[in-house]
Amino acid sequence: MPRRAWVFDPGSGGKKIPVRIKAEVEQRIERVAEEHFKGKYMRLDVRFRGRFCYIDTYREPQVSPDWPPADWPETREEYIERLRSTPTHLCRLRYFGDDRWGFAFYTYSNEKYELAVYPDGEFLGKPEEAFMVSAVVYLSG
């Protein structure tokens, strides 16, 4: 009978994120966002829950002057405010300790977080790297 062996799964497990790490990671992500994506978003939202860190942005909507159509159920101002209040989900990080983070990219086609690899092909990396990958996709346009 074959022996069972433990295999690391970057899409499960993780450790609860210590308060000290939360503050440090939030500052690091904000610094990179300001440096590389200033003006591409109105507000950055970095929040933590258990072993996860979620990164979202809020953007100023681009609405054509003739929007909305006459039969639209909300006013132009209501529509713009709703868009301003809707986050753009970028990614979710999973904490494994020692500044090692798993990375899941938010896919709008499936409306869920999907396991992703960092640009170097590894499953674990730094929070700033995961933010950069996600932000290039969602904030560069």
C-alpha atoms as a PDB file:
ATOM      1  CA  MET A   1       0.000   0.000   0.000  1.00  0.00           C
ATOM      2  CA  PRO A   2       1.462   3.416  -0.948  1.00  0.00           C
ATOM      3  CA  ARG A   3       2.420   5.785   1.839  1.00  0.00           C
ATOM      4  CA  ARG A   4       0.389   8.926   2.228  1.00  0.00           C
ATOM      5  CA  ALA A   5       2.422  12.108   2.130  1.00  0.00           C
ATOM      6  CA  TRP A   6       1.535  15.646   3.084  1.00  0.00           C
ATOM      7  CA  VAL A   7       1.522  18.039   0.145  1.00  0.00           C
ATOM      8  CA  PHE A   8       1.437  21.819   0.508  1.00  0.00           C
ATOM      9  CA  ASP A   9      -1.754  23.328  -0.920  1.00  0.00           C
ATOM     10  CA  PRO A  10      -1.507  27.108  -1.474  1.00  0.00           C
ATOM     11  CA  GLY A  11      -5.297  27.277  -1.869  1.00  0.00           C
ATOM     12  CA  SER A  12      -6.091  26.099   1.652  1.00  0.00           C
ATOM     13  CA  GLY A  13      -4.910  26.527   5.204  1.00  0.00           C
ATOM     14  CA  GLY A  14      -3.016  29.525   6.447  1.00  0.00           C
ATOM     15  CA  LYS A  15      -2.576  31.331   9.757  1.00  0.00           C
ATOM     16  CA  LYS A  16      -4.495  34.087  11.490  1.00  0.00           C
ATOM     17  CA  ILE A  17      -2.851  37.409  10.673  1.00  0.00           C
ATOM     18  CA  PRO A  18      -1.341  39.149  13.727  1.00  0.00           C
ATOM     19  CA  VAL A  19      -2.393  42.768  14.356  1.00  0.00           C
ATOM     20  CA  ARG A  20       1.177  44.015  13.869  1.00  0.00           C
ATOM     21  CA  ILE A  21       1.378  42.340  10.453  1.00  0.00           C
ATOM     22  CA  LYS A  22      -1.999  43.777   9.393  1.00  0.00           C
ATOM     23  CA  ALA A  23      -0.859  47.358   9.964  1.00  0.00           C
ATOM     24  CA  GLU A  24       2.476  46.766   8.241  1.00  0.00           C
ATOM     25  CA  VAL A  25       0.925  45.095   5.180  1.00  0.00           C
ATOM     26  CA  GLU A  26      -1.705  47.808   4.810  1.00  0.00           C
ATOM     27  CA  GLN A  27       1.026  50.485   4.813  1.00  0.00           C
ATOM     28  CA  ARG A  28       3.132  48.556   2.296  1.00  0.00           C
ATOM     29  CA  ILE A  29       0.219  48.123  -0.103  1.00  0.00           C
ATOM     30  CA  GLU A  30      -0.832  51.775   0.244  1.00  0.00           C
ATOM     31  CA  ARG A  31       2.731  52.900  -0.485  1.00  0.00           C
ATOM     32  CA  VAL A  32       2.941  50.815  -3.682  1.00  0.00           C
ATOM     33  CA  ALA A  33      -0.547  51.907  -4.764  1.00  0.00           C
ATOM     34  CA  GLU A  34       0.319  55.575  -4.324  1.00  0.00           C
ATOM     35  CA  GLU A  35       3.642  55.173  -6.115  1.00  0.00           C
ATOM     36  CA  HIS A  36       2.377  53.234  -9.146  1.00  0.00           C
ATOM     37  CA  PHE A  37      -1.351  53.945  -9.462  1.00  0.00           C
ATOM     38  CA  LYS A  38      -1.925  57.457  -8.159  1.00  0.00           C
ATOM     39  CA  GLY A  39      -4.977  58.960  -9.852  1.00  0.00           C
ATOM     40  CA  LYS A  40      -6.294  55.571 -11.012  1.00  0.00           C
ATOM     41  CA  TYR A  41      -8.550  55.099  -7.987  1.00  0.00           C
ATOM     42  CA  MET A  42     -10.407  57.236  -5.438  1.00  0.00           C
ATOM     43  CA  ARG A  43      -9.953  54.971  -2.427  1.00  0.00           C
ATOM     44  CA  LEU A  44      -8.058  51.807  -1.581  1.00  0.00           C
ATOM     45  CA  ASP A  45      -9.650  49.319   0.825  1.00  0.00           C
ATOM     46  CA  VAL A  46      -7.395  46.780   2.542  1.00  0.00           C
ATOM     47  CA  ARG A  47      -9.282  44.634   5.034  1.00  0.00           C
ATOM     48  CA  PHE A  48      -8.475  41.521   7.024  1.00  0.00           C
ATOM     49  CA  ARG A  49     -10.503  38.556   8.149  1.00  0.00           C
ATOM     50  CA  GLY A  50      -8.879  35.576   9.836  1.00  0.00           C
ATOM     51  CA  ARG A  51      -6.100  34.346   7.542  1.00  0.00           C
ATOM     52  CA  PHE A  52      -7.185  36.534   4.610  1.00  0.00           C
ATOM     53  CA  CYS A  53      -6.397  40.041   3.381  1.00  0.00           C
ATOM     54  CA  TYR A  54      -8.787  41.477   0.782  1.00  0.00           C
ATOM     55  CA  ILE A  55      -7.762  44.361  -1.471  1.00  0.00           C
ATOM     56  CA  ASP A  56     -10.360  46.474  -3.279  1.00  0.00           C
ATOM     57  CA  THR A  57     -10.405  49.892  -4.899  1.00  0.00           C
ATOM     58  CA  TYR A  58     -13.121  52.414  -5.599  1.00  0.00           C
ATOM     59  CA  ARG A  59     -12.981  54.396  -8.819  1.00  0.00           C
ATOM     60  CA  GLU A  60     -14.555  57.521 -10.229  1.00  0.00           C
ATOM     61  CA  PRO A  61     -17.041  56.293 -12.854  1.00  0.00           C
ATOM     62  CA  GLN A  62     -16.748  57.391 -16.458  1.00  0.00           C
ATOM     63  CA  VAL A  63     -20.334  58.132 -17.535  1.00  0.00           C
ATOM     64  CA  SER A  64     -21.249  59.570 -20.925  1.00  0.00           C
ATOM     65  CA  PRO A  65     -23.136  62.898 -20.891  1.00  0.00           C
ATOM     66  CA  ASP A  66     -26.286  61.378 -22.406  1.00  0.00           C
ATOM     67  CA  TRP A  67     -26.637  58.698 -19.716  1.00  0.00           C
ATOM     68  CA  PRO A  68     -29.106  57.501 -18.492  1.00  0.00           C
ATOM     69  CA  PRO A  69     -31.851  56.782 -20.987  1.00  0.00           C
ATOM     70  CA  ALA A  70     -35.271  58.254 -20.254  1.00  0.00           C
ATOM     71  CA  ASP A  71     -36.665  54.933 -19.004  1.00  0.00           C
ATOM     72  CA  TRP A  72     -33.778  54.244 -16.591  1.00  0.00           C
ATOM     73  CA  PRO A  73     -35.002  53.596 -12.987  1.00  0.00           C
ATOM     74  CA  GLU A  74     -32.535  55.979 -11.301  1.00  0.00           C
ATOM     75  CA  THR A  75     -31.299  59.502 -11.863  1.00  0.00           C
ATOM     76  CA  ARG A  76     -27.866  60.243 -13.291  1.00  0.00           C
ATOM     77  CA  GLU A  77     -26.665  61.299  -9.824  1.00  0.00           C
ATOM     78  CA  GLU A  78     -27.987  58.105  -8.204  1.00  0.00           C
ATOM     79  CA  TYR A  79     -26.358  56.018 -10.905  1.00  0.00           C
ATOM     80  CA  ILE A  80     -22.978  57.730 -10.485  1.00  0.00           C
ATOM     81  CA  GLU A  81     -23.151  57.428  -6.693  1.00  0.00           C
ATOM     82  CA  ARG A  82     -23.969  53.715  -6.977  1.00  0.00           C
ATOM     83  CA  LEU A  83     -20.944  53.189  -9.231  1.00  0.00           C
ATOM     84  CA  ARG A  84     -18.709  55.171  -6.844  1.00  0.00           C
ATOM     85  CA  SER A  85     -19.869  52.913  -3.993  1.00  0.00           C
ATOM     86  CA  THR A  86     -19.194  49.675  -5.867  1.00  0.00           C
ATOM     87  CA  PRO A  87     -15.750  48.215  -5.164  1.00  0.00           C
ATOM     88  CA  THR A  88     -13.416  46.805  -7.763  1.00  0.00           C
ATOM     89  CA  HIS A  89     -12.203  43.580  -6.149  1.00  0.00           C
ATOM     90  CA  LEU A  90      -8.533  43.054  -6.922  1.00  0.00           C
ATOM     91  CA  CYS A  91      -7.293  40.076  -4.953  1.00  0.00           C
ATOM     92  CA  ARG A  92      -7.314  38.053  -1.773  1.00  0.00           C
ATOM     93  CA  LEU A  93      -4.162  37.114   0.076  1.00  0.00           C
ATOM     94  CA  ARG A  94      -3.775  34.087   2.362  1.00  0.00           C
ATOM     95  CA  TYR A  95      -1.231  34.399   5.184  1.00  0.00           C
ATOM     96  CA  PHE A  96       1.211  31.523   5.757  1.00  0.00           C
ATOM     97  CA  GLY A  97       3.587  33.348   8.144  1.00  0.00           C
ATOM     98  CA  ASP A  98       7.028  34.894   7.694  1.00  0.00           C
ATOM     99  CA  ASP A  99       5.809  37.331   5.001  1.00  0.00           C
ATOM    100  CA  ARG A 100       4.716  34.408   2.810  1.00  0.00           C
ATOM    101  CA  TRP A 101       1.319  35.006   1.224  1.00  0.00           C
ATOM    102  CA  GLY A 102      -0.807  32.972  -1.155  1.00  0.00           C
ATOM    103  CA  PHE A 103      -2.579  34.914  -3.869  1.00  0.00           C
ATOM    104  CA  ALA A 104      -6.050  34.599  -5.367  1.00  0.00           C
ATOM    105  CA  PHE A 105      -7.087  36.870  -8.230  1.00  0.00           C
ATOM    106  CA  TYR A 106     -10.702  38.047  -8.370  1.00  0.00           C
ATOM    107  CA  THR A 107     -12.310  36.875 -11.599  1.00  0.00           C
ATOM    108  CA  TYR A 108     -15.384  38.786 -12.642  1.00  0.00           C
ATOM    109  CA  SER A 109     -16.333  36.090 -15.141  1.00  0.00           C
ATOM    110  CA  ASN A 110     -16.867  33.638 -12.258  1.00  0.00           C
ATOM    111  CA  GLU A 111     -17.411  36.239  -9.519  1.00  0.00           C
ATOM    112  CA  LYS A 112     -14.984  34.512  -7.168  1.00  0.00           C
ATOM    113  CA  TYR A 113     -11.348  34.430  -6.136  1.00  0.00           C
ATOM    114  CA  GLU A 114      -9.215  32.002  -8.145  1.00  0.00           C
ATOM    115  CA  LEU A 115      -5.833  30.686  -7.022  1.00  0.00           C
ATOM    116  CA  ALA A 116      -3.044  32.494  -8.878  1.00  0.00           C
ATOM    117  CA  VAL A 117       0.726  32.413  -9.085  1.00  0.00           C
ATOM    118  CA  TYR A 118       3.078  35.320  -8.659  1.00  0.00           C
ATOM    119  CA  PRO A 119       4.998  36.648 -11.685  1.00  0.00           C
ATOM    120  CA  ASP A 120       8.009  34.513 -10.739  1.00  0.00           C
ATOM    121  CA  GLY A 121       5.861  31.354 -11.012  1.00  0.00           C
ATOM    122  CA  GLU A 122       5.730  30.729  -7.265  1.00  0.00           C
ATOM    123  CA  PHE A 123       2.564  30.214  -5.224  1.00  0.00           C
ATOM    124  CA  LEU A 124       3.868  32.292  -2.304  1.00  0.00           C
ATOM    125  CA  GLY A 125       5.103  35.856  -2.387  1.00  0.00           C
ATOM    126  CA  LYS A 126       4.743  39.323  -0.940  1.00  0.00           C
ATOM    127  CA  PRO A 127       1.497  41.316  -0.690  1.00  0.00           C
ATOM    128  CA  GLU A 128       2.837  44.155  -2.848  1.00  0.00           C
ATOM    129  CA  GLU A 129       3.517  41.750  -5.712  1.00  0.00           C
ATOM    130  CA  ALA A 130      -0.044  40.382  -5.617  1.00  0.00           C
ATOM    131  CA  PHE A 131      -1.428  43.919  -5.517  1.00  0.00           C
ATOM    132  CA  MET A 132       0.702  44.935  -8.510  1.00  0.00           C
ATOM    133  CA  VAL A 133      -0.477  41.988 -10.629  1.00  0.00           C
ATOM    134  CA  SER A 134      -4.131  42.710  -9.837  1.00  0.00           C
ATOM    135  CA  ALA A 135      -3.856  46.473 -10.163  1.00  0.00           C
ATOM    136  CA  VAL A 136      -2.174  46.270 -13.570  1.00  0.00           C
ATOM    137  CA  VAL A 137      -5.192  44.315 -14.827  1.00  0.00           C
ATOM    138  CA  TYR A 138      -7.952  46.383 -13.204  1.00  0.00           C
ATOM    139  CA  LEU A 139      -6.499  49.883 -12.815  1.00  0.00           C
ATOM    140  CA  SER A 140      -4.384  50.388 -15.909  1.00  0.00           C
ATOM    141  CA  GLY A 141      -7.291  50.959 -18.291  1.00  0.00           C
END
